[in-house]
Amino acid sequence: MIYALQPYGSLIAIADLVGKASNSVNLNPLNFEAASSELGAESLDYSNKIAKLMNDRPGLRIKLCGKATGSDRQALIQQKQQAWLKQQASKKPAADTGKKKPAMPEFVIKDEALFAIASQRADKLKELLVKQHNIGAERLFLCKPEIDSADGAAPRLDINI
């Protein structure tokens, strides 16, 4: 509808985007070990600070945006490789018939697995804030999980006010 007001429609759209961007504050992200959604000691300490902030400001709402990265994909591949090697080691050795040991298959991790990890990261913090700190679930919004393909990007949970 606003585009029908050209050329002013574009200006309205840009102003709307700038307004939305300026209404958001990014807190420090919670970093995770690759391929994990478990909150470490540092993350738990930080979550206590987030809970205090939210308890001090009852009208505050936050967005939890899980991010997966290439390091998550690599860690999941390594987990599959280790499981395969363990499985091979547990097999009874056949009589020496001259057969070659099977080659390790090439493991592929689909994006859906990364989206699941990113989503679990947001779910974990939300659950912690709701259950342990009595923050109302209606104050915590989950973003669509994303894959950050930037070199060196950390597996994380972005937190926005």
N, C-alpha and C. Protein backbone atom coordinates (compact mmCIF):
# COMPACT_ATOMS: atom_id res chain seq x y z
N MET A 1 0.81 -1.18 0.00
CA MET A 1 0.00 0.00 0.00
C MET A 1 0.87 1.26 0.00
N ILE A 2 1.92 1.28 0.84
CA ILE A 2 2.73 2.49 0.89
C ILE A 2 3.50 2.72 -0.40
N TYR A 3 3.72 1.65 -1.17
CA TYR A 3 4.45 1.80 -2.42
C TYR A 3 3.61 2.49 -3.48
N ALA A 4 2.31 2.53 -3.29
CA ALA A 4 1.43 3.22 -4.23
C ALA A 4 1.64 4.73 -4.14
N LEU A 5 2.26 5.19 -3.10
CA LEU A 5 2.48 6.62 -2.89
C LEU A 5 3.82 7.08 -3.44
N GLN A 6 4.35 6.38 -4.44
CA GLN A 6 5.67 6.67 -4.98
C GLN A 6 5.76 8.12 -5.41
N PRO A 7 6.87 8.79 -5.23
CA PRO A 7 8.12 8.30 -4.67
C PRO A 7 8.14 8.33 -3.14
N TYR A 8 7.09 8.84 -2.53
CA TYR A 8 7.09 8.99 -1.08
C TYR A 8 6.91 7.66 -0.35
N GLY A 9 6.31 6.70 -1.02
CA GLY A 9 6.10 5.39 -0.40
C GLY A 9 7.41 4.74 0.00
N SER A 10 8.43 4.87 -0.84
CA SER A 10 9.74 4.31 -0.52
C SER A 10 10.35 4.99 0.70
N LEU A 11 10.18 6.28 0.79
CA LEU A 11 10.69 7.01 1.94
C LEU A 11 9.98 6.58 3.22
N ILE A 12 8.69 6.35 3.13
CA ILE A 12 7.93 5.89 4.29
C ILE A 12 8.42 4.51 4.72
N ALA A 13 8.65 3.63 3.75
CA ALA A 13 9.14 2.27 4.05
C ALA A 13 10.51 2.33 4.72
N ILE A 14 11.39 3.18 4.21
CA ILE A 14 12.73 3.31 4.79
C ILE A 14 12.63 3.87 6.20
N ALA A 15 11.82 4.87 6.41
CA ALA A 15 11.65 5.46 7.74
C ALA A 15 11.09 4.43 8.71
N ASP A 16 10.18 3.59 8.23
CA ASP A 16 9.61 2.54 9.08
C ASP A 16 10.70 1.55 9.51
N LEU A 17 11.56 1.15 8.57
CA LEU A 17 12.64 0.22 8.89
C LEU A 17 13.63 0.83 9.87
N VAL A 18 13.98 2.09 9.66
CA VAL A 18 14.91 2.77 10.57
C VAL A 18 14.29 2.88 11.96
N GLY A 19 13.02 3.17 12.02
CA GLY A 19 12.34 3.27 13.30
C GLY A 19 12.34 1.95 14.05
N LYS A 20 12.09 0.87 13.33
CA LYS A 20 12.10 -0.46 13.96
C LYS A 20 13.50 -0.80 14.44
N ALA A 21 14.51 -0.49 13.66
CA ALA A 21 15.89 -0.82 14.03
C ALA A 21 16.32 -0.02 15.26
N SER A 22 15.87 1.22 15.35
CA SER A 22 16.30 2.05 16.48
C SER A 22 15.58 1.68 17.77
N ASN A 23 14.50 0.92 17.69
CA ASN A 23 13.76 0.51 18.87
C ASN A 23 14.30 -0.77 19.48
N SER A 24 15.38 -1.30 18.95
CA SER A 24 15.93 -2.56 19.41
C SER A 24 17.32 -2.33 20.00
N VAL A 25 17.57 -2.99 21.13
CA VAL A 25 18.88 -2.94 21.75
C VAL A 25 19.42 -4.37 21.80
N ASN A 26 20.62 -4.56 21.30
CA ASN A 26 21.24 -5.87 21.31
C ASN A 26 22.07 -6.03 22.57
N LEU A 27 21.74 -7.05 23.35
CA LEU A 27 22.56 -7.39 24.51
C LEU A 27 23.69 -8.29 24.04
N ASN A 28 24.66 -8.54 24.90
CA ASN A 28 25.72 -9.47 24.54
C ASN A 28 25.10 -10.84 24.29
N PRO A 29 25.57 -11.53 23.27
CA PRO A 29 25.00 -12.86 23.00
C PRO A 29 25.51 -13.89 24.01
N LEU A 30 24.75 -14.97 24.13
CA LEU A 30 25.21 -16.13 24.90
C LEU A 30 25.93 -17.03 23.91
N ASN A 31 27.18 -17.32 24.17
CA ASN A 31 27.93 -18.21 23.28
C ASN A 31 27.80 -19.65 23.75
N PHE A 32 27.86 -20.57 22.80
CA PHE A 32 27.71 -21.99 23.07
C PHE A 32 28.88 -22.75 22.47
N GLU A 33 29.14 -23.91 23.04
CA GLU A 33 30.08 -24.84 22.42
C GLU A 33 29.46 -25.30 21.11
N ALA A 34 30.27 -25.60 20.14
CA ALA A 34 29.78 -26.06 18.85
C ALA A 34 28.94 -27.32 19.04
N ALA A 35 27.82 -27.39 18.35
CA ALA A 35 26.89 -28.52 18.33
C ALA A 35 26.21 -28.74 19.68
N SER A 36 26.19 -27.74 20.54
CA SER A 36 25.59 -27.88 21.86
C SER A 36 24.54 -26.79 22.09
N SER A 37 23.56 -27.14 22.89
CA SER A 37 22.58 -26.15 23.33
C SER A 37 22.58 -26.04 24.86
N GLU A 38 23.59 -26.63 25.48
CA GLU A 38 23.69 -26.60 26.94
C GLU A 38 24.26 -25.27 27.41
N LEU A 39 23.64 -24.73 28.45
CA LEU A 39 24.10 -23.48 29.03
C LEU A 39 25.25 -23.77 29.98
N GLY A 40 26.40 -23.16 29.72
CA GLY A 40 27.56 -23.32 30.60
C GLY A 40 27.47 -22.40 31.80
N ALA A 41 28.44 -22.48 32.69
CA ALA A 41 28.45 -21.68 33.91
C ALA A 41 28.42 -20.18 33.60
N GLU A 42 29.17 -19.76 32.61
CA GLU A 42 29.20 -18.33 32.23
C GLU A 42 27.83 -17.89 31.72
N SER A 43 27.20 -18.75 30.93
CA SER A 43 25.87 -18.44 30.40
C SER A 43 24.83 -18.38 31.52
N LEU A 44 24.95 -19.26 32.49
CA LEU A 44 24.01 -19.24 33.61
C LEU A 44 24.16 -17.96 34.42
N ASP A 45 25.39 -17.52 34.61
CA ASP A 45 25.62 -16.26 35.32
C ASP A 45 25.00 -15.10 34.55
N TYR A 46 25.20 -15.09 33.24
CA TYR A 46 24.64 -14.02 32.40
C TYR A 46 23.12 -14.08 32.41
N SER A 47 22.54 -15.28 32.42
CA SER A 47 21.09 -15.40 32.43
C SER A 47 20.52 -14.83 33.74
N ASN A 48 21.25 -14.94 34.83
CA ASN A 48 20.82 -14.34 36.09
C ASN A 48 20.74 -12.82 35.96
N LYS A 49 21.69 -12.24 35.24
CA LYS A 49 21.68 -10.79 35.02
C LYS A 49 20.49 -10.38 34.15
N ILE A 50 20.21 -11.19 33.13
CA ILE A 50 19.05 -10.91 32.27
C ILE A 50 17.77 -11.00 33.08
N ALA A 51 17.66 -12.01 33.93
CA ALA A 51 16.48 -12.18 34.77
C ALA A 51 16.31 -10.98 35.71
N LYS A 52 17.40 -10.52 36.30
CA LYS A 52 17.32 -9.36 37.20
C LYS A 52 16.85 -8.13 36.43
N LEU A 53 17.40 -7.93 35.25
CA LEU A 53 16.98 -6.81 34.41
C LEU A 53 15.49 -6.88 34.12
N MET A 54 15.01 -8.07 33.78
CA MET A 54 13.59 -8.23 33.45
C MET A 54 12.71 -8.09 34.69
N ASN A 55 13.17 -8.58 35.82
CA ASN A 55 12.39 -8.43 37.06
C ASN A 55 12.34 -6.98 37.51
N ASP A 56 13.41 -6.24 37.28
CA ASP A 56 13.44 -4.82 37.64
C ASP A 56 12.57 -3.97 36.70
N ARG A 57 12.33 -4.48 35.51
CA ARG A 57 11.55 -3.75 34.51
C ARG A 57 10.44 -4.67 33.98
N PRO A 58 9.30 -4.72 34.67
CA PRO A 58 8.24 -5.66 34.33
C PRO A 58 7.67 -5.49 32.92
N GLY A 59 7.83 -4.35 32.32
CA GLY A 59 7.31 -4.14 30.96
C GLY A 59 8.27 -4.56 29.87
N LEU A 60 9.47 -4.95 30.25
CA LEU A 60 10.51 -5.29 29.28
C LEU A 60 10.22 -6.64 28.62
N ARG A 61 10.41 -6.68 27.32
CA ARG A 61 10.25 -7.91 26.54
C ARG A 61 11.54 -8.13 25.76
N ILE A 62 11.91 -9.40 25.59
CA ILE A 62 13.14 -9.68 24.84
C ILE A 62 12.89 -10.73 23.76
N LYS A 63 13.73 -10.65 22.73
CA LYS A 63 13.72 -11.64 21.65
C LYS A 63 14.96 -12.51 21.80
N LEU A 64 14.76 -13.80 21.66
CA LEU A 64 15.84 -14.77 21.75
C LEU A 64 16.01 -15.38 20.36
N CYS A 65 17.18 -15.15 19.77
CA CYS A 65 17.42 -15.55 18.38
C CYS A 65 18.61 -16.51 18.30
N GLY A 66 18.32 -17.80 18.17
CA GLY A 66 19.36 -18.81 18.09
C GLY A 66 20.08 -18.78 16.76
N LYS A 67 21.40 -18.88 16.82
CA LYS A 67 22.23 -18.88 15.62
C LYS A 67 23.12 -20.12 15.61
N ALA A 68 23.13 -20.80 14.49
CA ALA A 68 24.04 -21.93 14.28
C ALA A 68 25.11 -21.47 13.29
N THR A 69 26.25 -22.16 13.29
CA THR A 69 27.36 -21.74 12.43
C THR A 69 28.03 -22.95 11.80
N GLY A 70 29.02 -22.67 10.98
CA GLY A 70 29.81 -23.74 10.36
C GLY A 70 30.50 -24.61 11.38
N SER A 71 30.87 -24.04 12.53
CA SER A 71 31.53 -24.86 13.56
C SER A 71 30.55 -25.87 14.15
N ASP A 72 29.27 -25.55 14.17
CA ASP A 72 28.27 -26.52 14.60
C ASP A 72 28.22 -27.69 13.62
N ARG A 73 28.22 -27.36 12.33
CA ARG A 73 28.18 -28.40 11.29
C ARG A 73 29.40 -29.31 11.42
N GLN A 74 30.58 -28.72 11.59
CA GLN A 74 31.81 -29.51 11.70
C GLN A 74 31.79 -30.40 12.94
N ALA A 75 31.31 -29.87 14.06
CA ALA A 75 31.25 -30.66 15.29
C ALA A 75 30.27 -31.82 15.15
N LEU A 76 29.15 -31.60 14.47
CA LEU A 76 28.20 -32.68 14.25
C LEU A 76 28.78 -33.76 13.35
N ILE A 77 29.54 -33.35 12.34
CA ILE A 77 30.21 -34.33 11.46
C ILE A 77 31.20 -35.14 12.28
N GLN A 78 31.98 -34.49 13.13
CA GLN A 78 32.95 -35.19 13.96
C GLN A 78 32.26 -36.17 14.91
N GLN A 79 31.11 -35.78 15.45
CA GLN A 79 30.36 -36.69 16.33
C GLN A 79 29.93 -37.94 15.56
N LYS A 80 29.45 -37.74 14.33
CA LYS A 80 29.04 -38.89 13.51
C LYS A 80 30.23 -39.77 13.16
N GLN A 81 31.36 -39.14 12.86
CA GLN A 81 32.55 -39.92 12.55
C GLN A 81 33.01 -40.75 13.76
N GLN A 82 33.01 -40.14 14.92
CA GLN A 82 33.42 -40.86 16.13
C GLN A 82 32.47 -42.00 16.44
N ALA A 83 31.17 -41.78 16.25
CA ALA A 83 30.20 -42.85 16.48
C ALA A 83 30.42 -43.99 15.49
N TRP A 84 30.72 -43.65 14.25
CA TRP A 84 30.97 -44.68 13.23
C TRP A 84 32.22 -45.49 13.60
N LEU A 85 33.28 -44.79 14.00
CA LEU A 85 34.52 -45.48 14.38
C LEU A 85 34.29 -46.39 15.59
N LYS A 86 33.53 -45.93 16.54
CA LYS A 86 33.22 -46.74 17.72
C LYS A 86 32.43 -47.98 17.31
N GLN A 87 31.49 -47.80 16.42
CA GLN A 87 30.69 -48.93 15.94
C GLN A 87 31.58 -49.94 15.22
N GLN A 88 32.50 -49.45 14.40
CA GLN A 88 33.40 -50.34 13.68
C GLN A 88 34.31 -51.10 14.64
N ALA A 89 34.76 -50.42 15.68
CA ALA A 89 35.66 -51.05 16.64
C ALA A 89 34.95 -52.12 17.46
N SER A 90 33.64 -51.96 17.63
CA SER A 90 32.89 -52.92 18.45
C SER A 90 32.50 -54.18 17.67
N LYS A 91 32.62 -54.13 16.36
CA LYS A 91 32.29 -55.31 15.55
C LYS A 91 33.35 -56.38 15.75
N LYS A 92 32.88 -57.60 15.76
CA LYS A 92 33.82 -58.71 15.89
C LYS A 92 34.69 -58.77 14.65
N PRO A 93 35.99 -58.91 14.85
CA PRO A 93 36.85 -59.01 13.66
C PRO A 93 36.58 -60.34 12.95
N ALA A 94 36.36 -60.23 11.66
CA ALA A 94 36.14 -61.44 10.87
C ALA A 94 37.47 -62.16 10.69
N ALA A 95 37.35 -63.44 10.38
CA ALA A 95 38.58 -64.20 10.11
C ALA A 95 39.33 -63.49 9.00
N ASP A 96 40.62 -63.52 9.09
CA ASP A 96 41.44 -62.81 8.11
C ASP A 96 41.21 -63.40 6.73
N THR A 97 40.30 -62.76 6.02
CA THR A 97 39.96 -63.24 4.68
C THR A 97 40.52 -62.32 3.60
N GLY A 98 41.26 -61.34 4.04
CA GLY A 98 41.84 -60.42 3.07
C GLY A 98 40.90 -59.28 2.71
N LYS A 99 39.75 -59.23 3.34
CA LYS A 99 38.81 -58.14 3.05
C LYS A 99 39.33 -56.85 3.66
N LYS A 100 39.12 -55.79 2.92
CA LYS A 100 39.50 -54.47 3.42
C LYS A 100 38.45 -53.98 4.42
N LYS A 101 38.93 -53.21 5.36
CA LYS A 101 37.99 -52.57 6.28
C LYS A 101 37.17 -51.56 5.49
N PRO A 102 35.91 -51.37 5.87
CA PRO A 102 35.10 -50.40 5.14
C PRO A 102 35.64 -48.98 5.33
N ALA A 103 35.53 -48.21 4.28
CA ALA A 103 35.96 -46.80 4.35
C ALA A 103 34.90 -46.01 5.09
N MET A 104 35.36 -44.99 5.80
CA MET A 104 34.41 -44.14 6.52
C MET A 104 33.54 -43.40 5.51
N PRO A 105 32.24 -43.44 5.70
CA PRO A 105 31.36 -42.71 4.78
C PRO A 105 31.52 -41.20 4.95
N GLU A 106 31.13 -40.48 3.95
CA GLU A 106 31.14 -39.02 4.04
C GLU A 106 29.83 -38.59 4.69
N PHE A 107 29.92 -37.96 5.83
CA PHE A 107 28.73 -37.54 6.56
C PHE A 107 28.35 -36.13 6.15
N VAL A 108 27.06 -35.93 5.94
CA VAL A 108 26.52 -34.63 5.56
C VAL A 108 25.52 -34.20 6.62
N ILE A 109 25.66 -32.99 7.07
CA ILE A 109 24.73 -32.43 8.05
C ILE A 109 23.84 -31.44 7.32
N LYS A 110 22.56 -31.72 7.32
CA LYS A 110 21.59 -30.85 6.64
C LYS A 110 21.32 -29.60 7.49
N ASP A 111 20.89 -28.56 6.82
CA ASP A 111 20.58 -27.31 7.51
C ASP A 111 19.53 -27.50 8.60
N GLU A 112 18.60 -28.42 8.41
CA GLU A 112 17.55 -28.65 9.40
C GLU A 112 18.15 -29.00 10.77
N ALA A 113 19.24 -29.75 10.78
CA ALA A 113 19.90 -30.11 12.04
C ALA A 113 20.47 -28.85 12.71
N LEU A 114 21.00 -27.94 11.91
CA LEU A 114 21.54 -26.69 12.47
C LEU A 114 20.42 -25.79 12.98
N PHE A 115 19.32 -25.74 12.24
CA PHE A 115 18.17 -24.95 12.70
C PHE A 115 17.65 -25.50 14.03
N ALA A 116 17.66 -26.82 14.16
CA ALA A 116 17.19 -27.45 15.40
C ALA A 116 18.07 -27.04 16.58
N ILE A 117 19.38 -27.05 16.39
CA ILE A 117 20.30 -26.64 17.47
C ILE A 117 20.08 -25.17 17.82
N ALA A 118 19.97 -24.33 16.81
CA ALA A 118 19.76 -22.90 17.05
C ALA A 118 18.46 -22.68 17.82
N SER A 119 17.43 -23.41 17.46
CA SER A 119 16.14 -23.30 18.15
C SER A 119 16.24 -23.79 19.59
N GLN A 120 16.96 -24.87 19.80
CA GLN A 120 17.13 -25.41 21.16
C GLN A 120 17.85 -24.41 22.06
N ARG A 121 18.76 -23.66 21.51
CA ARG A 121 19.48 -22.66 22.30
C ARG A 121 18.51 -21.61 22.85
N ALA A 122 17.62 -21.14 22.00
CA ALA A 122 16.63 -20.16 22.45
C ALA A 122 15.66 -20.80 23.45
N ASP A 123 15.24 -22.01 23.17
CA ASP A 123 14.31 -22.71 24.06
C ASP A 123 14.91 -22.90 25.45
N LYS A 124 16.19 -23.24 25.52
CA LYS A 124 16.85 -23.47 26.81
C LYS A 124 16.84 -22.22 27.68
N LEU A 125 17.18 -21.07 27.08
CA LEU A 125 17.20 -19.84 27.89
C LEU A 125 15.78 -19.45 28.28
N LYS A 126 14.85 -19.57 27.36
CA LYS A 126 13.46 -19.23 27.69
C LYS A 126 12.97 -20.10 28.85
N GLU A 127 13.21 -21.39 28.77
CA GLU A 127 12.79 -22.31 29.82
C GLU A 127 13.43 -21.93 31.17
N LEU A 128 14.70 -21.61 31.14
CA LEU A 128 15.40 -21.22 32.36
C LEU A 128 14.79 -19.95 32.96
N LEU A 129 14.56 -18.95 32.13
CA LEU A 129 14.01 -17.69 32.63
C LEU A 129 12.60 -17.86 33.17
N VAL A 130 11.81 -18.70 32.52
CA VAL A 130 10.44 -18.92 32.97
C VAL A 130 10.40 -19.75 34.25
N LYS A 131 11.10 -20.87 34.26
CA LYS A 131 11.00 -21.81 35.38
C LYS A 131 11.79 -21.38 36.61
N GLN A 132 13.00 -20.89 36.42
CA GLN A 132 13.83 -20.58 37.57
C GLN A 132 13.72 -19.13 38.05
N HIS A 133 13.34 -18.23 37.14
CA HIS A 133 13.31 -16.81 37.50
C HIS A 133 11.91 -16.22 37.44
N ASN A 134 10.91 -17.06 37.14
CA ASN A 134 9.51 -16.63 37.11
C ASN A 134 9.24 -15.45 36.17
N ILE A 135 9.94 -15.43 35.05
CA ILE A 135 9.68 -14.43 34.01
C ILE A 135 8.50 -14.95 33.20
N GLY A 136 7.52 -14.12 32.93
CA GLY A 136 6.37 -14.54 32.15
C GLY A 136 6.77 -14.92 30.73
N ALA A 137 6.31 -16.07 30.27
CA ALA A 137 6.64 -16.55 28.93
C ALA A 137 6.19 -15.56 27.86
N GLU A 138 5.14 -14.80 28.14
CA GLU A 138 4.64 -13.82 27.16
C GLU A 138 5.60 -12.66 26.96
N ARG A 139 6.62 -12.56 27.78
CA ARG A 139 7.62 -11.50 27.65
C ARG A 139 8.85 -11.94 26.86
N LEU A 140 8.87 -13.22 26.48
CA LEU A 140 10.02 -13.80 25.79
C LEU A 140 9.59 -14.28 24.41
N PHE A 141 10.18 -13.73 23.38
CA PHE A 141 9.81 -14.06 22.02
C PHE A 141 10.95 -14.80 21.33
N LEU A 142 10.62 -15.86 20.64
CA LEU A 142 11.63 -16.63 19.92
C LEU A 142 11.64 -16.23 18.46
N CYS A 143 12.83 -15.94 17.95
CA CYS A 143 13.00 -15.63 16.53
C CYS A 143 13.10 -16.93 15.74
N LYS A 144 12.96 -16.80 14.47
CA LYS A 144 13.21 -17.94 13.58
C LYS A 144 14.70 -18.25 13.66
N PRO A 145 15.08 -19.51 13.89
CA PRO A 145 16.51 -19.84 13.98
C PRO A 145 17.22 -19.55 12.66
N GLU A 146 18.49 -19.21 12.76
CA GLU A 146 19.28 -18.85 11.57
C GLU A 146 20.62 -19.56 11.58
N ILE A 147 21.21 -19.61 10.39
CA ILE A 147 22.57 -20.11 10.24
C ILE A 147 23.44 -18.93 9.86
N ASP A 148 24.43 -18.63 10.68
CA ASP A 148 25.36 -17.54 10.41
C ASP A 148 26.55 -18.15 9.66
N SER A 149 26.69 -17.80 8.40
CA SER A 149 27.74 -18.39 7.57
C SER A 149 29.03 -17.57 7.54
N ALA A 150 29.10 -16.52 8.35
CA ALA A 150 30.30 -15.69 8.38
C ALA A 150 31.48 -16.50 8.93
N ASP A 151 32.65 -16.27 8.36
CA ASP A 151 33.86 -16.95 8.85
C ASP A 151 34.10 -16.59 10.31
N GLY A 152 34.35 -17.59 11.13
CA GLY A 152 34.65 -17.37 12.52
C GLY A 152 33.48 -17.01 13.39
N ALA A 153 32.25 -17.09 12.86
CA ALA A 153 31.07 -16.76 13.67
C ALA A 153 30.93 -17.77 14.80
N ALA A 154 30.55 -17.26 15.96
CA ALA A 154 30.42 -18.12 17.14
C ALA A 154 29.00 -18.68 17.22
N PRO A 155 28.87 -19.95 17.59
CA PRO A 155 27.53 -20.49 17.87
C PRO A 155 26.96 -19.72 19.06
N ARG A 156 25.74 -19.21 18.92
CA ARG A 156 25.29 -18.29 19.96
C ARG A 156 23.77 -18.13 19.99
N LEU A 157 23.37 -17.35 20.97
CA LEU A 157 21.98 -16.92 21.10
C LEU A 157 22.01 -15.41 21.20
N ASP A 158 21.48 -14.74 20.19
CA ASP A 158 21.40 -13.29 20.22
C ASP A 158 20.20 -12.88 21.06
N ILE A 159 20.37 -11.85 21.87
CA ILE A 159 19.33 -11.38 22.78
C ILE A 159 19.08 -9.91 22.49
N ASN A 160 17.83 -9.60 22.13
CA ASN A 160 17.47 -8.24 21.76
C ASN A 160 16.32 -7.74 22.63
N ILE A 161 16.44 -6.49 23.04
CA ILE A 161 15.36 -5.85 23.80
C ILE A 161 14.54 -5.03 22.82
